PDB file of N, CA and C in Angstrom:
ATOM      1  N   MET A   1     112.235 117.535 105.402  1.00  0.00           N
ATOM      2  CA  MET A   1     110.683 117.764 105.697  1.00  0.00           C
ATOM      3  C   MET A   1     110.208 118.902 106.328  1.00  0.00           C
ATOM      4  N   SER A   2     109.296 119.589 105.878  1.00  0.00           N
ATOM      5  CA  SER A   2     108.679 120.854 106.599  1.00  0.00           C
ATOM      6  C   SER A   2     107.703 120.787 107.181  1.00  0.00           C
ATOM      7  N   PHE A   3     107.388 121.294 108.480  1.00  0.00           N
ATOM      8  CA  PHE A   3     105.755 121.005 108.718  1.00  0.00           C
ATOM      9  C   PHE A   3     105.201 123.347 109.118  1.00  0.00           C
ATOM     10  N   ALA A   4     103.995 122.635 108.626  1.00  0.00           N
ATOM     11  CA  ALA A   4     103.268 124.146 109.448  1.00  0.00           C
ATOM     12  C   ALA A   4     102.447 123.969 109.872  1.00  0.00           C
ATOM     13  N   THR A   5     101.976 124.654 110.940  1.00  0.00           N
ATOM     14  CA  THR A   5     100.905 124.449 111.857  1.00  0.00           C
ATOM     15  C   THR A   5     100.053 126.159 111.799  1.00  0.00           C
ATOM     16  N   THR A   6      98.427 126.044 112.100  1.00  0.00           N
ATOM     17  CA  THR A   6      97.864 126.863 112.337  1.00  0.00           C
ATOM     18  C   THR A   6      97.492 127.089 113.857  1.00  0.00           C
ATOM     19  N   HIS A   7      96.516 127.517 114.103  1.00  0.00           N
ATOM     20  CA  HIS A   7      96.075 128.008 115.561  1.00  0.00           C
ATOM     21  C   HIS A   7      95.412 126.694 115.771  1.00  0.00           C
ATOM     22  N   PRO A   8      95.687 125.529 117.152  1.00  0.00           N
ATOM     23  CA  PRO A   8      94.986 124.979 117.396  1.00  0.00           C
ATOM     24  C   PRO A   8      93.840 125.005 118.347  1.00  0.00           C
ATOM     25  N   PHE A   9      93.544 124.058 118.412  1.00  0.00           N
ATOM     26  CA  PHE A   9      91.648 124.748 118.888  1.00  0.00           C
ATOM     27  C   PHE A   9      91.166 123.633 119.909  1.00  0.00           C
ATOM     28  N   ALA A  10      90.404 123.669 121.229  1.00  0.00           N
ATOM     29  CA  ALA A  10      90.422 122.914 122.153  1.00  0.00           C
ATOM     30  C   ALA A  10      89.033 122.628 122.239  1.00  0.00           C
ATOM     31  N   VAL A  11      88.038 121.190 122.266  1.00  0.00           N
ATOM     32  CA  VAL A  11      86.076 121.425 122.446  1.00  0.00           C
ATOM     33  C   VAL A  11      86.446 120.300 123.409  1.00  0.00           C
ATOM     34  N   GLY A  12      86.021 120.803 124.653  1.00  0.00           N
ATOM     35  CA  GLY A  12      86.072 119.590 125.731  1.00  0.00           C
ATOM     36  C   GLY A  12      87.137 119.240 125.828  1.00  0.00           C
ATOM     37  N   GLU A  13      87.643 117.521 125.606  1.00  0.00           N
ATOM     38  CA  GLU A  13      88.369 116.898 126.143  1.00  0.00           C
ATOM     39  C   GLU A  13      89.764 116.959 125.182  1.00  0.00           C
ATOM     40  N   PHE A  14      89.038 117.542 123.772  1.00  0.00           N
ATOM     41  CA  PHE A  14      90.174 117.278 122.602  1.00  0.00           C
ATOM     42  C   PHE A  14      91.031 118.498 122.382  1.00  0.00           C
ATOM     43  N   GLN A  15      92.164 118.112 121.909  1.00  0.00           N
ATOM     44  CA  GLN A  15      92.973 119.604 121.276  1.00  0.00           C
ATOM     45  C   GLN A  15      93.346 119.474 119.648  1.00  0.00           C
ATOM     46  N   ILE A  16      92.603 120.006 118.900  1.00  0.00           N
ATOM     47  CA  ILE A  16      92.748 119.561 117.147  1.00  0.00           C
ATOM     48  C   ILE A  16      93.696 120.647 116.989  1.00  0.00           C
ATOM     49  N   THR A  17      94.812 119.843 115.962  1.00  0.00           N
ATOM     50  CA  THR A  17      95.608 121.113 115.690  1.00  0.00           C
ATOM     51  C   THR A  17      96.246 120.516 114.158  1.00  0.00           C
ATOM     52  N   PRO A  18      95.384 121.500 113.443  1.00  0.00           N
ATOM     53  CA  PRO A  18      95.520 121.309 111.736  1.00  0.00           C
ATOM     54  C   PRO A  18      96.891 121.834 111.824  1.00  0.00           C
ATOM     55  N   LEU A  19      97.699 120.472 110.817  1.00  0.00           N
ATOM     56  CA  LEU A  19      98.951 120.489 110.013  1.00  0.00           C
ATOM     57  C   LEU A  19      99.176 120.646 108.729  1.00  0.00           C
ATOM     58  N   SER A  20     100.494 121.121 108.494  1.00  0.00           N
ATOM     59  CA  SER A  20     100.602 121.139 106.503  1.00  0.00           C
ATOM     60  C   SER A  20     102.216 120.628 106.317  1.00  0.00           C
ATOM     61  N   ARG A  21     101.981 119.725 105.544  1.00  0.00           N
ATOM     62  CA  ARG A  21     103.667 119.337 105.083  1.00  0.00           C
ATOM     63  C   ARG A  21     104.057 119.655 103.739  1.00  0.00           C
ATOM     64  N   LEU A  22     105.284 120.260 103.603  1.00  0.00           N
ATOM     65  CA  LEU A  22     105.940 120.826 102.436  1.00  0.00           C
ATOM     66  C   LEU A  22     106.059 119.057 101.874  1.00  0.00           C
ATOM     67  N   GLN A  23     105.725 119.204 100.465  1.00  0.00           N
ATOM     68  CA  GLN A  23     106.202 118.037  99.840  1.00  0.00           C
ATOM     69  C   GLN A  23     107.266 118.608  98.277  1.00  0.00           C
ATOM     70  N   GLY A  24     107.690 117.478  98.049  1.00  0.00           N
ATOM     71  CA  GLY A  24     108.581 117.880  96.802  1.00  0.00           C
ATOM     72  C   GLY A  24     107.470 118.815  95.985  1.00  0.00           C
ATOM     73  N   ALA A  25     108.226 119.414  94.771  1.00  0.00           N
ATOM     74  CA  ALA A  25     107.386 120.095  93.749  1.00  0.00           C
ATOM     75  C   ALA A  25     106.779 121.154  94.175  1.00  0.00           C
ATOM     76  N   GLY A  26     107.037 121.692  95.714  1.00  0.00           N
ATOM     77  CA  GLY A  26     105.926 122.636  95.378  1.00  0.00           C
ATOM     78  C   GLY A  26     104.527 122.530  96.444  1.00  0.00           C
ATOM     79  N   HIS A  27     104.297 120.621  96.676  1.00  0.00           N
ATOM     80  CA  HIS A  27     103.044 120.746  97.283  1.00  0.00           C
ATOM     81  C   HIS A  27     102.615 120.581  98.545  1.00  0.00           C
ATOM     82  N   HIS A  28     101.587 120.738  98.848  1.00  0.00           N
ATOM     83  CA  HIS A  28     101.327 120.477 100.444  1.00  0.00           C
ATOM     84  C   HIS A  28     100.622 119.265 100.638  1.00  0.00           C
ATOM     85  N   THR A  29     100.841 118.846 101.853  1.00  0.00           N
ATOM     86  CA  THR A  29      99.464 117.991 101.993  1.00  0.00           C
ATOM     87  C   THR A  29      99.387 118.216 103.695  1.00  0.00           C
ATOM     88  N   ALA A  30      97.680 117.920 103.991  1.00  0.00           N
ATOM     89  CA  ALA A  30      97.035 118.304 105.314  1.00  0.00           C
ATOM     90  C   ALA A  30      96.835 117.000 105.853  1.00  0.00           C
ATOM     91  N   LEU A  31      97.961 117.255 107.154  1.00  0.00           N
ATOM     92  CA  LEU A  31      97.741 116.666 108.241  1.00  0.00           C
ATOM     93  C   LEU A  31      96.726 117.181 109.397  1.00  0.00           C
ATOM     94  N   LEU A  32      96.451 116.208 110.665  1.00  0.00           N
ATOM     95  CA  LEU A  32      95.161 116.893 111.647  1.00  0.00           C
ATOM     96  C   LEU A  32      95.410 115.744 112.783  1.00  0.00           C
ATOM     97  N   SER A  33      96.423 116.468 113.950  1.00  0.00           N
ATOM     98  CA  SER A  33      96.275 115.922 115.622  1.00  0.00           C
ATOM     99  C   SER A  33      95.108 116.086 115.952  1.00  0.00           C
ATOM    100  N   ILE A  34      95.073 115.039 116.611  1.00  0.00           N
ATOM    101  CA  ILE A  34      93.556 114.959 117.588  1.00  0.00           C
ATOM    102  C   ILE A  34      94.250 114.545 118.872  1.00  0.00           C
ATOM    103  N   ARG A  35      94.815 114.775 119.985  1.00  0.00           N
ATOM    104  CA  ARG A  35      95.123 114.372 120.757  1.00  0.00           C
ATOM    105  C   ARG A  35      93.874 114.986 122.564  1.00  0.00           C
ATOM    106  N   SER A  36      93.919 113.978 123.312  1.00  0.00           N
ATOM    107  CA  SER A  36      92.865 113.765 124.494  1.00  0.00           C
ATOM    108  C   SER A  36      94.276 113.566 125.787  1.00  0.00           C
ATOM    109  N   GLY A  37      93.736 113.599 126.703  1.00  0.00           N
ATOM    110  CA  GLY A  37      94.245 113.204 127.635  1.00  0.00           C
ATOM    111  C   GLY A  37      94.844 114.052 128.503  1.00  0.00           C
ATOM    112  N   GLN A  38      95.900 113.674 129.963  1.00  0.00           N
ATOM    113  CA  GLN A  38      96.744 114.500 130.374  1.00  0.00           C
ATOM    114  C   GLN A  38      97.796 113.973 130.626  1.00  0.00           C
ATOM    115  N   GLY A  39      99.481 114.502 130.640  1.00  0.00           N
ATOM    116  CA  GLY A  39     100.001 113.589 131.684  1.00  0.00           C
ATOM    117  C   GLY A  39     100.566 112.587 130.805  1.00  0.00           C
ATOM    118  N   SER A  40     100.792 111.080 131.664  1.00  0.00           N
ATOM    119  CA  SER A  40     100.869 110.255 131.206  1.00  0.00           C
ATOM    120  C   SER A  40      99.892 109.500 130.204  1.00  0.00           C
ATOM    121  N   GLN A  41      99.013 109.848 130.475  1.00  0.00           N
ATOM    122  CA  GLN A  41      97.861 109.109 129.824  1.00  0.00           C
ATOM    123  C   GLN A  41      97.353 110.228 128.267  1.00  0.00           C
ATOM    124  N   THR A  42      98.436 110.671 127.468  1.00  0.00           N
ATOM    125  CA  THR A  42      97.991 111.326 126.859  1.00  0.00           C
ATOM    126  C   THR A  42      97.692 110.744 125.092  1.00  0.00           C
ATOM    127  N   HIS A  43      97.176 111.106 124.691  1.00  0.00           N
ATOM    128  CA  HIS A  43      96.509 109.854 123.012  1.00  0.00           C
ATOM    129  C   HIS A  43      96.746 111.216 122.277  1.00  0.00           C
ATOM    130  N   ASP A  44      97.487 110.589 120.885  1.00  0.00           N
ATOM    131  CA  ASP A  44      97.431 111.637 120.081  1.00  0.00           C
ATOM    132  C   ASP A  44      97.314 110.743 118.842  1.00  0.00           C
ATOM    133  N   ARG A  45      96.261 111.284 117.644  1.00  0.00           N
ATOM    134  CA  ARG A  45      96.495 110.928 117.056  1.00  0.00           C
ATOM    135  C   ARG A  45      96.410 111.596 115.425  1.00  0.00           C
ATOM    136  N   VAL A  46      97.060 111.058 114.501  1.00  0.00           N
ATOM    137  CA  VAL A  46      97.533 111.797 113.637  1.00  0.00           C
ATOM    138  C   VAL A  46      97.170 111.190 112.462  1.00  0.00           C
ATOM    139  N   TYR A  47      96.375 111.990 111.434  1.00  0.00           N
ATOM    140  CA  TYR A  47      96.101 111.642 110.135  1.00  0.00           C
ATOM    141  C   TYR A  47      96.642 112.606 108.952  1.00  0.00           C
ATOM    142  N   THR A  48      97.017 112.145 107.722  1.00  0.00           N
ATOM    143  CA  THR A  48      97.478 112.581 106.596  1.00  0.00           C
ATOM    144  C   THR A  48      96.241 112.260 105.852  1.00  0.00           C
ATOM    145  N   PHE A  49      96.009 113.327 104.895  1.00  0.00           N
ATOM    146  CA  PHE A  49      94.860 113.358 103.964  1.00  0.00           C
ATOM    147  C   PHE A  49      95.619 113.440 102.613  1.00  0.00           C
ATOM    148  N   LYS A  50      95.066 112.808 101.420  1.00  0.00           N
ATOM    149  CA  LYS A  50      95.397 112.098 100.138  1.00  0.00           C
ATOM    150  C   LYS A  50      95.436 113.315  99.384  1.00  0.00           C
ATOM    151  N   PRO A  51      94.461 114.157  99.410  1.00  0.00           N
ATOM    152  CA  PRO A  51      94.644 115.014  98.608  1.00  0.00           C
ATOM    153  C   PRO A  51      95.902 116.473  98.998  1.00  0.00           C
ATOM    154  N   GLU A  52      96.337 116.697  97.423  1.00  0.00           N
ATOM    155  CA  GLU A  52      97.963 117.133  97.524  1.00  0.00           C
ATOM    156  C   GLU A  52      96.781 119.306  96.950  1.00  0.00           C
ATOM    157  N   PHE A  53      97.870 120.106  97.891  1.00  0.00           N
ATOM    158  CA  PHE A  53      97.491 121.367  98.054  1.00  0.00           C
ATOM    159  C   PHE A  53      98.520 122.371  96.965  1.00  0.00           C
ATOM    160  N   LYS A  54      98.096 122.982  96.810  1.00  0.00           N
ATOM    161  CA  LYS A  54      99.287 123.969  95.835  1.00  0.00           C
ATOM    162  C   LYS A  54      99.864 125.335  96.828  1.00  0.00           C
ATOM    163  N   THR A  55      98.616 125.544  97.706  1.00  0.00           N
ATOM    164  CA  THR A  55      99.171 126.285  99.023  1.00  0.00           C
ATOM    165  C   THR A  55      99.320 125.958  99.987  1.00  0.00           C
ATOM    166  N   GLN A  56     100.123 126.345 101.416  1.00  0.00           N
ATOM    167  CA  GLN A  56      99.948 125.907 102.568  1.00  0.00           C
ATOM    168  C   GLN A  56      98.691 126.100 103.367  1.00  0.00           C
ATOM    169  N   ASP A  57      98.561 127.710 103.063  1.00  0.00           N
ATOM    170  CA  ASP A  57      96.844 128.151 103.716  1.00  0.00           C
ATOM    171  C   ASP A  57      95.536 126.962 103.712  1.00  0.00           C
ATOM    172  N   SER A  58      96.026 126.671 101.899  1.00  0.00           N
ATOM    173  CA  SER A  58      94.449 125.854 101.893  1.00  0.00           C
ATOM    174  C   SER A  58      94.989 124.086 101.948  1.00  0.00           C
ATOM    175  N   ALA A  59      96.231 123.699 102.842  1.00  0.00           N
ATOM    176  CA  ALA A  59      96.175 122.548 103.378  1.00  0.00           C
ATOM    177  C   ALA A  59      95.683 122.500 104.292  1.00  0.00           C
ATOM    178  N   LEU A  60      96.294 124.059 105.255  1.00  0.00           N
ATOM    179  CA  LEU A  60      95.582 123.843 106.628  1.00  0.00           C
ATOM    180  C   LEU A  60      94.368 124.067 106.794  1.00  0.00           C
ATOM    181  N   MET A  61      93.560 124.877 105.959  1.00  0.00           N
ATOM    182  CA  MET A  61      92.465 125.157 106.000  1.00  0.00           C
ATOM    183  C   MET A  61      91.691 123.657 106.040  1.00  0.00           C
ATOM    184  N   TYR A  62      91.852 122.836 104.828  1.00  0.00           N
ATOM    185  CA  TYR A  62      90.974 121.425 104.618  1.00  0.00           C
ATOM    186  C   TYR A  62      91.202 120.776 106.169  1.00  0.00           C
ATOM    187  N   ALA A  63      92.480 120.719 106.309  1.00  0.00           N
ATOM    188  CA  ALA A  63      93.197 119.977 107.790  1.00  0.00           C
ATOM    189  C   ALA A  63      91.724 120.466 109.007  1.00  0.00           C
ATOM    190  N   ALA A  64      91.898 121.897 108.744  1.00  0.00           N
ATOM    191  CA  ALA A  64      90.360 122.309 109.593  1.00  0.00           C
ATOM    192  C   ALA A  64      89.678 122.072 110.155  1.00  0.00           C
ATOM    193  N   ALA A  65      89.349 122.164 108.565  1.00  0.00           N
ATOM    194  CA  ALA A  65      87.772 121.374 107.880  1.00  0.00           C
ATOM    195  C   ALA A  65      87.335 119.704 108.315  1.00  0.00           C
ATOM    196  N   GLN A  66      88.246 119.265 108.228  1.00  0.00           N
ATOM    197  CA  GLN A  66      88.260 118.208 108.714  1.00  0.00           C
ATOM    198  C   GLN A  66      88.660 117.725 110.550  1.00  0.00           C
ATOM    199  N   GLY A  67      88.921 118.476 111.234  1.00  0.00           N
ATOM    200  CA  GLY A  67      89.097 118.651 112.605  1.00  0.00           C
ATOM    201  C   GLY A  67      87.355 118.937 113.056  1.00  0.00           C
ATOM    202  N   ARG A  68      86.907 119.859 112.001  1.00  0.00           N
ATOM    203  CA  ARG A  68      85.550 120.206 112.824  1.00  0.00           C
ATOM    204  C   ARG A  68      84.589 119.163 112.241  1.00  0.00           C
ATOM    205  N   TYR A  69      84.602 118.930 111.112  1.00  0.00           N
ATOM    206  CA  TYR A  69      83.373 117.559 110.639  1.00  0.00           C
ATOM    207  C   TYR A  69      83.902 116.398 111.689  1.00  0.00           C
ATOM    208  N   TRP A  70      85.312 116.093 112.112  1.00  0.00           N
ATOM    209  CA  TRP A  70      85.589 114.909 113.136  1.00  0.00           C
ATOM    210  C   TRP A  70      85.030 115.004 114.193  1.00  0.00           C
ATOM    211  N   LEU A  71      85.072 116.560 114.849  1.00  0.00           N
ATOM    212  CA  LEU A  71      83.946 116.872 116.114  1.00  0.00           C
ATOM    213  C   LEU A  71      82.104 116.648 116.005  1.00  0.00           C
ATOM    214  N   ILE A  72      82.258 116.676 114.831  1.00  0.00           N
ATOM    215  CA  ILE A  72      80.416 117.103 114.784  1.00  0.00           C
ATOM    216  C   ILE A  72      80.500 114.989 114.371  1.00  0.00           C
ATOM    217  N   ASN A  73      81.014 114.582 113.817  1.00  0.00           N
ATOM    218  CA  ASN A  73      80.939 113.052 113.521  1.00  0.00           C
ATOM    219  C   ASN A  73      81.907 112.763 113.304  1.00  0.00           C
ATOM    220  N   PRO A  74      82.945 111.722 114.674  1.00  0.00           N
ATOM    221  CA  PRO A  74      83.909 110.785 115.274  1.00  0.00           C
ATOM    222  C   PRO A  74      84.358 109.995 114.517  1.00  0.00           C
ATOM    223  N   ALA A  75      83.090 108.530 113.610  1.00  0.00           N
ATOM    224  CA  ALA A  75      83.284 107.798 113.319  1.00  0.00           C
ATOM    225  C   ALA A  75      83.638 108.300 111.506  1.00  0.00           C
ATOM    226  N   SER A  76      83.701 109.562 111.304  1.00  0.00           N
ATOM    227  CA  SER A  76      84.444 110.160 110.255  1.00  0.00           C
ATOM    228  C   SER A  76      85.742 109.975 109.829  1.00  0.00           C
ATOM    229  N   LEU A  77      86.265 109.946 110.259  1.00  0.00           N
ATOM    230  CA  LEU A  77      88.035 108.881 110.146  1.00  0.00           C
ATOM    231  C   LEU A  77      88.793 107.807 110.523  1.00  0.00           C
ATOM    232  N   SER A  78      87.276 106.792 111.230  1.00  0.00           N
ATOM    233  CA  SER A  78      87.558 105.620 110.947  1.00  0.00           C
ATOM    234  C   SER A  78      88.375 104.554 110.229  1.00  0.00           C
TER     235      SER A  78
END
């Protein structure tokens, strides 16, 4: 399994990292890491999204958009 990431961005106490995972047959899955806290109090939630994408860039853009939307509406990924 191969992972790719784009530049993470921080907003307040949250570190948002869009990720992409290469699946079989050249499809990419979008993932999103949302990290908060520091040291032993770090909490990281990783979300995997259902749509598959033909390119790594489109999966990363989708994950980044979901991260920005989560900042506006945290209940969206509940």
